[in-house]
Amino acid sequence: MSEKNRHSVSEELLFRYFMNEVSPDEQDMVLSWRAESGENLEEFERVRIFFLDAKAINSIEKDTGNYNVPLAWKKFQQVNKVHQRISFTWLKVAASILLILGAGWFVYESNQVETLELVAQEDLQAIKLVDGSKISLNEGSQLIYPDKFKGGNRKVELKGEAYFEVAHNPKQPFLIETDEVKVQVLGTKFNVNNANKDSVVVSVDSGKVRMSVGGKEEILTAGYRGVYYRSTELLIKIETAKTGMHNYWRTKTLAFKGATVSEAIDAIQKVYGVELKLSNPNIANCKINVDFEDEEIEHVLEIIGETLNLVWSNQGDSYLLAGYGCPQ
């Protein structure tokens, strides 16, 4: 391009012309300049082809969903060898096209959210989410979660049973969805059991959660659990038994904290798969404070007997606890 024509139609103006970002007057100026001479027309066509080549290089990787800026730049350099008459200024402009469009593709990619899935097939599995929340997944359970949390909440889906330690973030509540029930929290520790055929149970250890299904909801705090019965569509809030039973699958610990013998027997029967009987119904309301961590059933009964002045015996198909009542 001659010095005279550079002053009348700059490369910056040509660039904006090919990007359709010129005013009507500027468009007329470019078209008039192009018609002035064969040299101007030749230069116009050369720059136009160069612009299209640079733009095409950008689209190659983006169309395949795998934009590669270094590869595009390499191709761009190869194209430039064919267009030796393009000035260094125009070279910088074309390079900017690559960088801007490439950066735009990078931003697009970084905003995509990938859905992930974790299945605890043979044993419990633990995972820490991107927000810092920790989840323990019981055997046979499934968690569906995103690789990053976007929008107004942190939503995951649960099939089975899991224990949640949710990182506090009041601006982005944590939301757990089961088949029917939704559990919303800001930051707390709780267990969700969706593994039972007829019920969904949410047991809270600390903090506060909202358990909702259909038009019903319950606010649960530490020491309480919500139970939704599928067959009757009933949602209730009850005090959690002081046995630690809802965490046994994860901790292997029975923690009787002021639990009644009746509550303790119920937990022991579920954990060990045995039947326990009482010789005296008055024993059922006695309170007990003791922890058992993965103990043999005989040792558990021995400690309970010593604590409450009871005698235990193996009846073949069951165990019997005998005594006169609660110690004074």
Protein backbone atom coordinates (compact mmCIF):
# COMPACT_ATOMS: atom_id res chain seq x y z
CA MET A 1 0.00 0.00 0.00
CA SER A 2 1.46 3.41 -0.98
CA GLU A 3 2.12 6.11 1.63
CA LYS A 4 -0.60 8.26 0.10
CA ASN A 5 -3.20 5.51 0.30
CA ARG A 6 -2.09 4.56 3.83
CA HIS A 7 -3.15 8.03 4.95
CA SER A 8 -6.51 7.88 3.20
CA VAL A 9 -7.43 4.33 4.19
CA SER A 10 -5.56 2.94 7.17
CA GLU A 11 -5.08 -0.72 7.97
CA GLU A 12 -7.10 -0.14 11.15
CA LEU A 13 -10.00 1.08 8.99
CA LEU A 14 -9.70 -1.94 6.69
CA PHE A 15 -9.72 -4.21 9.69
CA ARG A 16 -12.94 -2.64 10.97
CA TYR A 17 -14.41 -2.80 7.46
CA PHE A 18 -13.92 -6.55 7.25
CA MET A 19 -15.35 -6.92 10.76
CA ASN A 20 -18.47 -4.93 9.69
CA GLU A 21 -17.74 -2.28 12.29
CA VAL A 22 -17.61 0.86 10.16
CA SER A 23 -19.98 3.78 9.73
CA PRO A 24 -21.71 4.42 6.38
CA ASP A 25 -19.24 7.24 5.63
CA GLU A 26 -16.25 5.01 6.40
CA GLN A 27 -17.69 2.27 4.22
CA ASP A 28 -18.02 4.73 1.31
CA MET A 29 -14.41 5.86 1.90
CA VAL A 30 -13.09 2.29 1.66
CA LEU A 31 -15.12 1.50 -1.46
CA SER A 32 -14.06 4.74 -3.14
CA TRP A 33 -10.41 4.07 -2.30
CA ARG A 34 -10.68 0.55 -3.69
CA ALA A 35 -12.10 1.87 -6.99
CA GLU A 36 -9.38 4.49 -7.45
CA SER A 37 -6.77 2.16 -8.93
CA GLY A 38 -5.85 -1.40 -9.75
CA GLU A 39 -3.12 -1.22 -7.11
CA ASN A 40 -5.68 -0.36 -4.43
CA LEU A 41 -7.96 -3.17 -5.57
CA GLU A 42 -5.08 -5.66 -5.49
CA GLU A 43 -4.11 -4.54 -2.01
CA PHE A 44 -7.73 -4.68 -0.84
CA GLU A 45 -8.11 -8.27 -2.09
CA ARG A 46 -4.81 -9.36 -0.56
CA VAL A 47 -5.78 -8.00 2.86
CA ARG A 48 -9.28 -9.47 2.57
CA ILE A 49 -7.93 -12.93 1.77
CA PHE A 50 -5.45 -12.65 4.60
CA PHE A 51 -8.25 -11.69 6.98
CA LEU A 52 -10.39 -14.65 5.89
CA ASP A 53 -7.45 -17.03 6.29
CA ALA A 54 -6.80 -15.82 9.82
CA LYS A 55 -10.48 -16.11 10.67
CA ALA A 56 -10.68 -19.61 9.17
CA ILE A 57 -7.74 -20.77 11.26
CA ASN A 58 -9.65 -19.70 14.36
CA SER A 59 -12.71 -21.69 13.38
CA ILE A 60 -10.92 -24.98 12.70
CA GLU A 61 -10.41 -26.02 16.31
CA LYS A 62 -13.52 -24.30 17.67
CA ASP A 63 -15.74 -26.21 15.25
CA THR A 64 -14.31 -29.48 16.54
CA GLY A 65 -14.76 -28.42 20.16
CA ASN A 66 -10.99 -28.45 20.79
CA TYR A 67 -9.59 -24.96 20.19
CA ASN A 68 -5.80 -24.93 20.29
CA VAL A 69 -4.29 -21.41 20.24
CA PRO A 70 -0.64 -22.52 19.77
CA LEU A 71 -1.64 -24.73 16.83
CA ALA A 72 -3.70 -21.92 15.33
CA TRP A 73 -0.75 -19.54 15.66
CA LYS A 74 1.53 -22.05 13.89
CA LYS A 75 -0.95 -22.25 11.03
CA PHE A 76 -1.24 -18.48 11.05
CA GLN A 77 2.53 -18.14 10.56
CA GLN A 78 2.34 -20.53 7.63
CA VAL A 79 -0.42 -18.41 6.10
CA ASN A 80 1.66 -15.26 6.57
CA LYS A 81 4.50 -16.70 4.47
CA VAL A 82 2.06 -16.70 1.55
CA HIS A 83 1.07 -13.07 2.25
CA GLN A 84 4.51 -11.45 2.46
CA ARG A 85 3.24 -7.98 1.49
CA ILE A 86 1.06 -7.59 4.57
CA SER A 87 2.55 -5.00 6.91
CA PHE A 88 3.71 -5.67 10.48
CA THR A 89 0.80 -3.60 11.82
CA TRP A 90 -1.69 -5.84 10.05
CA LEU A 91 0.23 -8.87 11.35
CA LYS A 92 -0.37 -7.64 14.91
CA VAL A 93 -4.04 -7.06 14.19
CA ALA A 94 -4.48 -10.58 12.81
CA ALA A 95 -2.61 -12.03 15.76
CA SER A 96 -5.04 -10.17 17.99
CA ILE A 97 -7.90 -11.93 16.24
CA LEU A 98 -6.38 -15.26 17.20
CA LEU A 99 -5.79 -14.25 20.79
CA ILE A 100 -9.17 -12.63 21.34
CA LEU A 101 -11.18 -15.45 19.78
CA GLY A 102 -8.99 -18.02 21.47
CA ALA A 103 -9.46 -16.35 24.85
CA GLY A 104 -13.19 -16.22 24.23
CA TRP A 105 -13.23 -19.94 23.61
CA PHE A 106 -11.21 -20.51 26.80
CA VAL A 107 -13.75 -18.49 28.80
CA TYR A 108 -16.55 -20.48 27.20
CA GLU A 109 -14.85 -23.76 28.13
CA SER A 110 -14.12 -22.65 31.71
CA ASN A 111 -17.79 -21.78 32.24
CA GLN A 112 -18.96 -25.28 31.34
CA VAL A 113 -20.12 -27.47 34.24
CA GLU A 114 -19.40 -31.18 34.08
CA THR A 115 -21.68 -33.63 35.89
CA LEU A 116 -19.78 -36.29 37.83
CA GLU A 117 -20.89 -39.52 39.49
CA LEU A 118 -19.50 -41.46 42.44
CA VAL A 119 -20.69 -44.97 43.32
CA ALA A 120 -19.54 -46.75 46.49
CA GLN A 121 -19.56 -50.30 45.17
CA GLU A 122 -17.87 -52.44 47.84
CA ASP A 123 -17.17 -50.14 50.78
CA LEU A 124 -17.90 -46.61 51.94
CA GLN A 125 -16.19 -43.85 49.98
CA ALA A 126 -15.37 -40.29 50.99
CA ILE A 127 -15.14 -37.26 48.72
CA LYS A 128 -14.37 -33.58 49.18
CA LEU A 129 -16.26 -31.26 46.84
CA VAL A 130 -14.85 -28.13 45.25
CA ASP A 131 -16.55 -25.93 47.91
CA GLY A 132 -14.84 -27.82 50.75
CA SER A 133 -17.87 -29.92 51.74
CA LYS A 134 -17.09 -33.50 52.76
CA ILE A 135 -19.35 -36.44 51.94
CA SER A 136 -19.10 -40.07 53.08
CA LEU A 137 -21.04 -42.43 50.83
CA ASN A 138 -22.37 -45.72 52.19
CA GLU A 139 -21.82 -48.96 50.30
CA GLY A 140 -24.08 -49.30 47.27
CA SER A 141 -24.96 -45.58 47.26
CA GLN A 142 -24.60 -43.09 44.42
CA LEU A 143 -23.81 -39.37 44.41
CA ILE A 144 -24.27 -37.13 41.35
CA TYR A 145 -22.54 -33.75 41.62
CA PRO A 146 -21.01 -31.00 39.44
CA ASP A 147 -17.29 -30.33 39.10
CA LYS A 148 -18.03 -26.71 40.06
CA PHE A 149 -21.01 -24.94 41.61
CA LYS A 150 -22.64 -22.21 39.50
CA GLY A 151 -25.74 -20.15 40.22
CA GLY A 152 -27.65 -19.65 43.44
CA ASN A 153 -27.16 -23.07 45.08
CA ARG A 154 -24.90 -26.09 45.43
CA LYS A 155 -27.04 -29.00 44.24
CA VAL A 156 -26.22 -32.72 44.39
CA GLU A 157 -28.34 -35.85 43.94
CA LEU A 158 -28.26 -38.86 46.26
CA LYS A 159 -29.39 -42.43 45.83
CA GLY A 160 -28.78 -44.48 48.96
CA GLU A 161 -27.18 -43.14 52.16
CA ALA A 162 -24.53 -40.51 52.84
CA TYR A 163 -23.17 -38.35 55.65
CA PHE A 164 -22.64 -34.68 54.83
CA GLU A 165 -20.31 -32.11 56.38
CA VAL A 166 -21.32 -29.04 54.43
CA ALA A 167 -19.03 -26.02 54.15
CA HIS A 168 -20.77 -22.85 55.35
CA ASN A 169 -21.86 -20.48 52.60
CA PRO A 170 -25.11 -18.55 53.26
CA LYS A 171 -24.99 -16.98 49.79
CA GLN A 172 -25.10 -20.38 48.10
CA PRO A 173 -27.21 -22.91 50.03
CA PHE A 174 -26.40 -26.60 49.70
CA LEU A 175 -29.23 -28.66 48.20
CA ILE A 176 -29.56 -32.45 48.26
CA GLU A 177 -32.20 -34.11 46.10
CA THR A 178 -33.43 -37.68 46.54
CA ASP A 179 -36.26 -39.26 44.57
CA GLU A 180 -38.87 -37.09 46.31
CA VAL A 181 -37.28 -35.28 49.24
CA LYS A 182 -35.17 -32.13 49.15
CA VAL A 183 -32.78 -31.16 51.94
CA GLN A 184 -31.47 -27.58 52.03
CA VAL A 185 -28.66 -26.39 54.32
CA LEU A 186 -26.22 -23.54 54.80
CA GLY A 187 -23.54 -25.44 56.72
CA THR A 188 -24.01 -28.41 59.04
CA LYS A 189 -23.39 -32.14 59.69
CA PHE A 190 -26.15 -34.64 59.01
CA ASN A 191 -27.00 -38.04 57.59
CA VAL A 192 -29.40 -38.72 54.73
CA ASN A 193 -30.73 -42.27 54.33
CA ASN A 194 -32.62 -42.78 51.08
CA ALA A 195 -31.82 -46.51 50.92
CA ASN A 196 -35.00 -47.77 52.58
CA LYS A 197 -37.89 -48.77 50.36
CA ASP A 198 -40.59 -46.96 52.33
CA SER A 199 -38.80 -44.03 53.97
CA VAL A 200 -36.28 -41.23 53.71
CA VAL A 201 -34.59 -40.27 56.99
CA VAL A 202 -32.54 -37.13 57.66
CA SER A 203 -30.68 -37.10 61.01
CA VAL A 204 -28.98 -33.85 62.08
CA ASP A 205 -25.85 -33.79 64.27
CA SER A 206 -25.23 -30.03 64.14
CA GLY A 207 -26.64 -26.92 62.50
CA LYS A 208 -30.02 -26.66 60.83
CA VAL A 209 -31.57 -28.14 57.68
CA ARG A 210 -34.85 -27.79 55.85
CA MET A 211 -36.42 -31.08 54.75
CA SER A 212 -39.20 -30.72 52.20
CA VAL A 213 -41.35 -32.91 49.99
CA GLY A 214 -44.29 -31.69 47.95
CA GLY A 215 -45.90 -28.88 49.94
CA LYS A 216 -44.68 -30.18 53.32
CA GLU A 217 -41.50 -29.20 55.14
CA GLU A 218 -39.79 -29.55 58.51
CA ILE A 219 -36.91 -27.55 60.02
CA LEU A 220 -34.49 -29.96 61.71
CA THR A 221 -31.85 -29.04 64.29
CA ALA A 222 -29.22 -31.07 66.13
CA GLY A 223 -30.70 -34.07 67.91
CA TYR A 224 -33.71 -34.36 65.60
CA ARG A 225 -34.52 -36.33 62.51
CA GLY A 226 -37.11 -36.02 59.79
CA VAL A 227 -38.79 -39.11 58.39
CA TYR A 228 -40.79 -39.20 55.16
CA TYR A 229 -42.94 -42.30 54.65
CA ARG A 230 -43.50 -42.95 50.97
CA SER A 231 -46.53 -45.20 51.37
CA THR A 232 -48.53 -42.64 53.37
CA GLU A 233 -46.73 -39.49 52.08
CA LEU A 234 -46.33 -38.48 55.75
CA LEU A 235 -43.44 -36.24 56.87
CA ILE A 236 -42.70 -36.14 60.63
CA LYS A 237 -40.07 -34.67 62.93
CA ILE A 238 -38.92 -36.75 65.91
CA GLU A 239 -36.07 -36.75 68.39
CA THR A 240 -33.10 -38.83 67.26
CA ALA A 241 -32.42 -41.90 69.42
CA LYS A 242 -29.34 -41.33 71.59
CA THR A 243 -27.52 -44.34 70.17
CA GLY A 244 -25.45 -42.98 67.25
CA MET A 245 -27.16 -45.62 65.16
CA HIS A 246 -27.58 -43.34 62.14
CA ASN A 247 -23.77 -43.01 61.95
CA TYR A 248 -22.86 -46.64 62.67
CA TRP A 249 -22.32 -47.56 59.01
CA ARG A 250 -19.61 -44.87 58.91
CA THR A 251 -18.09 -44.91 62.43
CA LYS A 252 -18.71 -48.53 63.50
CA THR A 253 -19.51 -47.05 66.91
CA LEU A 254 -22.63 -47.33 69.04
CA ALA A 255 -22.70 -44.26 71.26
CA PHE A 256 -25.36 -44.59 73.96
CA LYS A 257 -25.66 -41.09 75.44
CA GLY A 258 -28.50 -41.31 77.93
CA ALA A 259 -30.25 -43.85 75.70
CA THR A 260 -32.89 -46.11 77.19
CA VAL A 261 -32.28 -49.85 77.27
CA SER A 262 -35.13 -50.19 74.81
CA GLU A 263 -33.34 -47.87 72.35
CA ALA A 264 -30.05 -49.68 72.94
CA ILE A 265 -31.62 -53.08 72.28
CA ASP A 266 -33.15 -51.84 69.04
CA ALA A 267 -29.75 -50.59 67.84
CA ILE A 268 -27.92 -53.76 68.91
CA GLN A 269 -30.43 -55.99 67.14
CA LYS A 270 -30.01 -54.04 63.88
CA VAL A 271 -26.20 -53.98 64.04
CA TYR A 272 -25.59 -57.57 65.10
CA GLY A 273 -28.64 -59.23 63.55
CA VAL A 274 -29.66 -60.91 66.81
CA GLU A 275 -32.77 -60.94 68.99
CA LEU A 276 -32.60 -59.52 72.52
CA LYS A 277 -35.26 -60.14 75.15
CA LEU A 278 -35.87 -58.67 78.61
CA SER A 279 -37.02 -60.73 81.57
CA ASN A 280 -38.48 -57.65 83.22
CA PRO A 281 -40.25 -54.90 81.22
CA ASN A 282 -39.15 -52.32 83.81
CA ILE A 283 -35.59 -52.64 82.50
CA ALA A 284 -36.63 -51.10 79.16
CA ASN A 285 -36.70 -47.54 80.53
CA CYS A 286 -33.33 -47.67 82.32
CA LYS A 287 -30.79 -45.13 80.97
CA ILE A 288 -27.31 -46.07 79.85
CA ASN A 289 -24.17 -44.08 78.95
CA VAL A 290 -21.53 -46.16 77.19
CA ASP A 291 -19.80 -46.41 73.79
CA PHE A 292 -19.02 -49.56 71.82
CA GLU A 293 -16.64 -49.47 68.90
CA ASP A 294 -16.84 -52.57 66.72
CA GLU A 295 -17.16 -54.89 69.72
CA GLU A 296 -18.27 -58.52 69.85
CA ILE A 297 -21.92 -58.98 70.89
CA GLU A 298 -20.93 -60.89 74.04
CA HIS A 299 -18.69 -58.05 75.21
CA VAL A 300 -21.47 -55.52 74.58
CA LEU A 301 -23.92 -57.51 76.71
CA GLU A 302 -21.30 -58.01 79.43
CA ILE A 303 -20.74 -54.23 79.77
CA ILE A 304 -24.47 -53.47 79.75
CA GLY A 305 -24.98 -56.13 82.43
CA GLU A 306 -22.26 -54.70 84.65
CA THR A 307 -23.57 -51.17 84.19
CA LEU A 308 -27.20 -51.96 85.06
CA ASN A 309 -26.76 -54.97 87.35
CA LEU A 310 -28.19 -57.33 84.76
CA VAL A 311 -27.34 -60.89 83.84
CA TRP A 312 -27.25 -61.98 80.22
CA SER A 313 -27.52 -65.47 78.76
CA ASN A 314 -27.45 -67.10 75.35
CA GLN A 315 -30.82 -68.75 74.64
CA GLY A 316 -29.72 -70.37 71.40
CA ASP A 317 -31.75 -68.31 68.95
CA SER A 318 -31.70 -65.15 71.09
CA TYR A 319 -30.10 -63.43 74.09
CA LEU A 320 -31.81 -62.68 77.40
CA LEU A 321 -31.13 -59.78 79.78
CA ALA A 322 -32.45 -60.42 83.28
CA GLY A 323 -32.69 -58.20 86.37
CA TYR A 324 -34.95 -56.42 88.82
CA GLY A 325 -35.02 -52.97 87.25
CA CYS A 326 -32.95 -49.80 87.06
CA PRO A 327 -30.16 -49.40 89.64
CA GLN A 328 -30.82 -46.72 92.25
